[in-house]
Amino acid sequence: MTTALPGLRETLLRLVEQRGPGKTLCPSEVARALDSEHWRDLMPAVRALGTQLAEAGAIAVFQKGQRVDPKTARGPIRYGLPTEKGG
């Protein structure tokens, strides 16, 4: 799955930044912002880019309020700003 969808990176980073510190968003919010009708088709690309950005330290990935490794996380995840405390 390609992460080269037009505007994907910018949209994901913008939404995480807009949500602000201590808040998270669902990857589906990113997909819906790009295409409200066919957002499900975009989910693999959103999650792949989320993993790349998390590995680069640009965002953090959370599950049940705890920071997780997006490569091994199963089930629902959320994106947020990384904090200085690593969470």
N, C-alpha and C. Protein backbone atom coordinates (compact mmCIF):
# COMPACT_ATOMS: atom_id res chain seq x y z
N MET A 1 0.85 -1.19 0.00
CA MET A 1 0.00 0.00 0.00
C MET A 1 0.88 1.24 0.00
N THR A 2 0.57 2.14 -0.86
CA THR A 2 1.36 3.37 -0.95
C THR A 2 0.92 4.38 0.10
N THR A 3 1.90 5.13 0.58
CA THR A 3 1.58 6.23 1.49
C THR A 3 1.71 7.55 0.75
N ALA A 4 1.79 7.48 -0.59
CA ALA A 4 1.99 8.67 -1.40
C ALA A 4 0.69 9.32 -1.87
N LEU A 5 -0.39 9.08 -1.17
CA LEU A 5 -1.65 9.72 -1.52
C LEU A 5 -1.50 11.23 -1.35
N PRO A 6 -1.98 12.00 -2.32
CA PRO A 6 -1.86 13.45 -2.22
C PRO A 6 -2.47 13.99 -0.92
N GLY A 7 -1.67 14.71 -0.17
CA GLY A 7 -2.14 15.37 1.03
C GLY A 7 -2.20 14.50 2.27
N LEU A 8 -1.87 13.22 2.16
CA LEU A 8 -1.99 12.32 3.31
C LEU A 8 -1.10 12.74 4.47
N ARG A 9 0.18 12.91 4.21
CA ARG A 9 1.11 13.29 5.28
C ARG A 9 0.70 14.61 5.92
N GLU A 10 0.41 15.59 5.09
CA GLU A 10 0.04 16.91 5.59
C GLU A 10 -1.23 16.86 6.42
N THR A 11 -2.20 16.09 5.96
CA THR A 11 -3.48 15.98 6.67
C THR A 11 -3.28 15.30 8.02
N LEU A 12 -2.54 14.20 8.05
CA LEU A 12 -2.33 13.49 9.31
C LEU A 12 -1.62 14.39 10.32
N LEU A 13 -0.54 15.02 9.90
CA LEU A 13 0.20 15.89 10.82
C LEU A 13 -0.62 17.09 11.27
N ARG A 14 -1.40 17.67 10.36
CA ARG A 14 -2.24 18.82 10.70
C ARG A 14 -3.29 18.44 11.74
N LEU A 15 -3.95 17.31 11.53
CA LEU A 15 -5.00 16.89 12.46
C LEU A 15 -4.44 16.56 13.84
N VAL A 16 -3.30 15.91 13.89
CA VAL A 16 -2.67 15.60 15.18
C VAL A 16 -2.30 16.90 15.90
N GLU A 17 -1.73 17.83 15.16
CA GLU A 17 -1.34 19.11 15.75
C GLU A 17 -2.57 19.89 16.22
N GLN A 18 -3.62 19.89 15.43
CA GLN A 18 -4.84 20.60 15.81
C GLN A 18 -5.48 20.00 17.05
N ARG A 19 -5.39 18.69 17.19
CA ARG A 19 -5.97 18.03 18.36
C ARG A 19 -5.25 18.48 19.63
N GLY A 20 -3.94 18.66 19.52
CA GLY A 20 -3.17 19.23 20.62
C GLY A 20 -2.59 18.21 21.58
N PRO A 21 -1.75 18.68 22.48
CA PRO A 21 -1.10 17.80 23.46
C PRO A 21 -2.12 17.08 24.35
N GLY A 22 -1.85 15.82 24.60
CA GLY A 22 -2.71 15.04 25.48
C GLY A 22 -3.99 14.54 24.85
N LYS A 23 -4.21 14.86 23.58
CA LYS A 23 -5.41 14.42 22.87
C LYS A 23 -5.00 13.51 21.72
N THR A 24 -5.89 12.63 21.33
CA THR A 24 -5.60 11.71 20.23
C THR A 24 -6.73 11.71 19.22
N LEU A 25 -6.44 11.10 18.07
CA LEU A 25 -7.46 10.96 17.05
C LEU A 25 -7.35 9.58 16.42
N CYS A 26 -8.44 9.14 15.88
CA CYS A 26 -8.49 7.84 15.22
C CYS A 26 -7.95 7.98 13.80
N PRO A 27 -7.19 7.00 13.32
CA PRO A 27 -6.72 7.05 11.94
C PRO A 27 -7.86 7.24 10.94
N SER A 28 -9.05 6.76 11.27
CA SER A 28 -10.17 6.92 10.34
C SER A 28 -10.53 8.40 10.15
N GLU A 29 -10.24 9.24 11.14
CA GLU A 29 -10.50 10.67 10.99
C GLU A 29 -9.63 11.25 9.88
N VAL A 30 -8.41 10.75 9.77
CA VAL A 30 -7.50 11.20 8.72
C VAL A 30 -8.05 10.76 7.37
N ALA A 31 -8.42 9.49 7.27
CA ALA A 31 -8.96 8.96 6.02
C ALA A 31 -10.22 9.70 5.60
N ARG A 32 -11.11 9.97 6.57
CA ARG A 32 -12.36 10.67 6.25
C ARG A 32 -12.10 12.11 5.81
N ALA A 33 -11.06 12.74 6.35
CA ALA A 33 -10.73 14.10 5.94
C ALA A 33 -10.26 14.14 4.49
N LEU A 34 -9.70 13.04 4.03
CA LEU A 34 -9.22 12.97 2.64
C LEU A 34 -10.32 12.57 1.66
N ASP A 35 -11.21 11.67 2.08
CA ASP A 35 -12.27 11.19 1.20
C ASP A 35 -13.39 10.62 2.07
N SER A 36 -14.41 11.43 2.28
CA SER A 36 -15.49 11.04 3.19
C SER A 36 -16.31 9.86 2.66
N GLU A 37 -16.28 9.60 1.37
CA GLU A 37 -17.06 8.51 0.81
C GLU A 37 -16.30 7.19 0.76
N HIS A 38 -15.03 7.24 0.40
CA HIS A 38 -14.23 6.02 0.23
C HIS A 38 -13.12 5.92 1.26
N TRP A 39 -13.36 6.43 2.44
CA TRP A 39 -12.31 6.49 3.46
C TRP A 39 -11.77 5.13 3.87
N ARG A 40 -12.61 4.12 3.85
CA ARG A 40 -12.14 2.78 4.25
C ARG A 40 -11.01 2.28 3.35
N ASP A 41 -11.08 2.63 2.08
CA ASP A 41 -10.03 2.22 1.14
C ASP A 41 -8.68 2.86 1.47
N LEU A 42 -8.72 3.97 2.18
CA LEU A 42 -7.49 4.70 2.51
C LEU A 42 -6.83 4.24 3.80
N MET A 43 -7.53 3.43 4.58
CA MET A 43 -7.02 3.05 5.90
C MET A 43 -5.66 2.36 5.88
N PRO A 44 -5.39 1.44 4.96
CA PRO A 44 -4.04 0.85 4.96
C PRO A 44 -2.94 1.88 4.76
N ALA A 45 -3.18 2.85 3.88
CA ALA A 45 -2.17 3.89 3.64
C ALA A 45 -2.02 4.79 4.86
N VAL A 46 -3.12 5.12 5.52
CA VAL A 46 -3.07 5.96 6.72
C VAL A 46 -2.28 5.25 7.81
N ARG A 47 -2.56 3.99 8.03
CA ARG A 47 -1.84 3.24 9.07
C ARG A 47 -0.37 3.06 8.73
N ALA A 48 -0.06 2.83 7.45
CA ALA A 48 1.34 2.68 7.04
C ALA A 48 2.10 3.98 7.28
N LEU A 49 1.50 5.11 6.91
CA LEU A 49 2.16 6.39 7.14
C LEU A 49 2.26 6.68 8.63
N GLY A 50 1.23 6.35 9.39
CA GLY A 50 1.28 6.53 10.83
C GLY A 50 2.45 5.79 11.45
N THR A 51 2.71 4.59 10.97
CA THR A 51 3.85 3.81 11.46
C THR A 51 5.15 4.52 11.11
N GLN A 52 5.27 4.99 9.89
CA GLN A 52 6.48 5.70 9.47
C GLN A 52 6.71 6.95 10.31
N LEU A 53 5.66 7.72 10.53
CA LEU A 53 5.78 8.95 11.30
C LEU A 53 6.09 8.67 12.76
N ALA A 54 5.54 7.60 13.29
CA ALA A 54 5.83 7.23 14.68
C ALA A 54 7.29 6.81 14.82
N GLU A 55 7.79 6.04 13.87
CA GLU A 55 9.19 5.62 13.90
C GLU A 55 10.13 6.81 13.80
N ALA A 56 9.70 7.86 13.09
CA ALA A 56 10.50 9.07 12.95
C ALA A 56 10.35 10.01 14.15
N GLY A 57 9.41 9.70 15.05
CA GLY A 57 9.19 10.54 16.22
C GLY A 57 8.28 11.73 16.00
N ALA A 58 7.63 11.79 14.84
CA ALA A 58 6.76 12.93 14.53
C ALA A 58 5.41 12.83 15.22
N ILE A 59 4.94 11.60 15.44
CA ILE A 59 3.68 11.37 16.15
C ILE A 59 3.90 10.21 17.12
N ALA A 60 2.93 9.97 17.96
CA ALA A 60 2.94 8.81 18.84
C ALA A 60 1.68 8.00 18.56
N VAL A 61 1.78 6.70 18.77
CA VAL A 61 0.65 5.80 18.56
C VAL A 61 0.23 5.26 19.92
N PHE A 62 -1.07 5.29 20.17
CA PHE A 62 -1.61 4.90 21.46
C PHE A 62 -2.67 3.83 21.31
N GLN A 63 -2.80 3.03 22.36
CA GLN A 63 -3.86 2.06 22.46
C GLN A 63 -4.27 2.02 23.92
N LYS A 64 -5.55 2.24 24.17
CA LYS A 64 -6.08 2.29 25.53
C LYS A 64 -5.27 3.26 26.40
N GLY A 65 -4.88 4.39 25.81
CA GLY A 65 -4.19 5.43 26.55
C GLY A 65 -2.71 5.20 26.76
N GLN A 66 -2.18 4.09 26.30
CA GLN A 66 -0.77 3.77 26.47
C GLN A 66 -0.06 3.84 25.12
N ARG A 67 1.16 4.36 25.12
CA ARG A 67 1.93 4.41 23.89
C ARG A 67 2.31 2.99 23.49
N VAL A 68 2.15 2.67 22.20
CA VAL A 68 2.44 1.33 21.69
C VAL A 68 3.28 1.41 20.42
N ASP A 69 3.88 0.30 20.08
CA ASP A 69 4.62 0.16 18.84
C ASP A 69 3.60 -0.12 17.73
N PRO A 70 3.50 0.74 16.73
CA PRO A 70 2.48 0.53 15.70
C PRO A 70 2.71 -0.73 14.87
N LYS A 71 3.93 -1.25 14.86
CA LYS A 71 4.21 -2.47 14.10
C LYS A 71 3.60 -3.71 14.76
N THR A 72 3.46 -3.67 16.07
CA THR A 72 2.96 -4.85 16.78
C THR A 72 1.56 -4.66 17.35
N ALA A 73 1.06 -3.44 17.35
CA ALA A 73 -0.27 -3.17 17.90
C ALA A 73 -1.33 -3.83 17.04
N ARG A 74 -2.28 -4.46 17.70
CA ARG A 74 -3.41 -5.08 17.03
C ARG A 74 -4.68 -4.42 17.54
N GLY A 75 -5.61 -4.20 16.64
CA GLY A 75 -6.86 -3.57 17.03
C GLY A 75 -6.80 -2.06 16.90
N PRO A 76 -7.76 -1.38 17.50
CA PRO A 76 -7.86 0.08 17.37
C PRO A 76 -6.64 0.80 17.95
N ILE A 77 -6.17 1.77 17.19
CA ILE A 77 -5.08 2.63 17.65
C ILE A 77 -5.50 4.08 17.49
N ARG A 78 -4.74 4.97 18.12
CA ARG A 78 -5.00 6.40 18.02
C ARG A 78 -3.68 7.10 17.84
N TYR A 79 -3.71 8.26 17.18
CA TYR A 79 -2.52 9.07 16.96
C TYR A 79 -2.57 10.30 17.83
N GLY A 80 -1.40 10.70 18.30
CA GLY A 80 -1.29 11.91 19.08
C GLY A 80 0.10 12.49 18.96
N LEU A 81 0.28 13.62 19.60
CA LEU A 81 1.59 14.24 19.63
C LEU A 81 2.49 13.49 20.60
N PRO A 82 3.74 13.31 20.24
CA PRO A 82 4.66 12.71 21.21
C PRO A 82 4.91 13.71 22.32
N THR A 83 5.11 13.22 23.52
CA THR A 83 5.39 14.10 24.65
C THR A 83 6.84 13.97 25.07
N GLU A 84 7.30 14.91 25.83
CA GLU A 84 8.69 14.87 26.28
C GLU A 84 8.95 13.68 27.19
N LYS A 85 7.90 13.16 27.83
CA LYS A 85 8.05 12.02 28.71
C LYS A 85 7.96 10.70 27.97
N GLY A 86 7.86 10.77 26.64
CA GLY A 86 7.82 9.55 25.86
C GLY A 86 6.44 8.93 25.74
N GLY A 87 5.41 9.64 26.11
CA GLY A 87 4.08 9.06 26.03
C GLY A 87 3.17 9.77 25.12
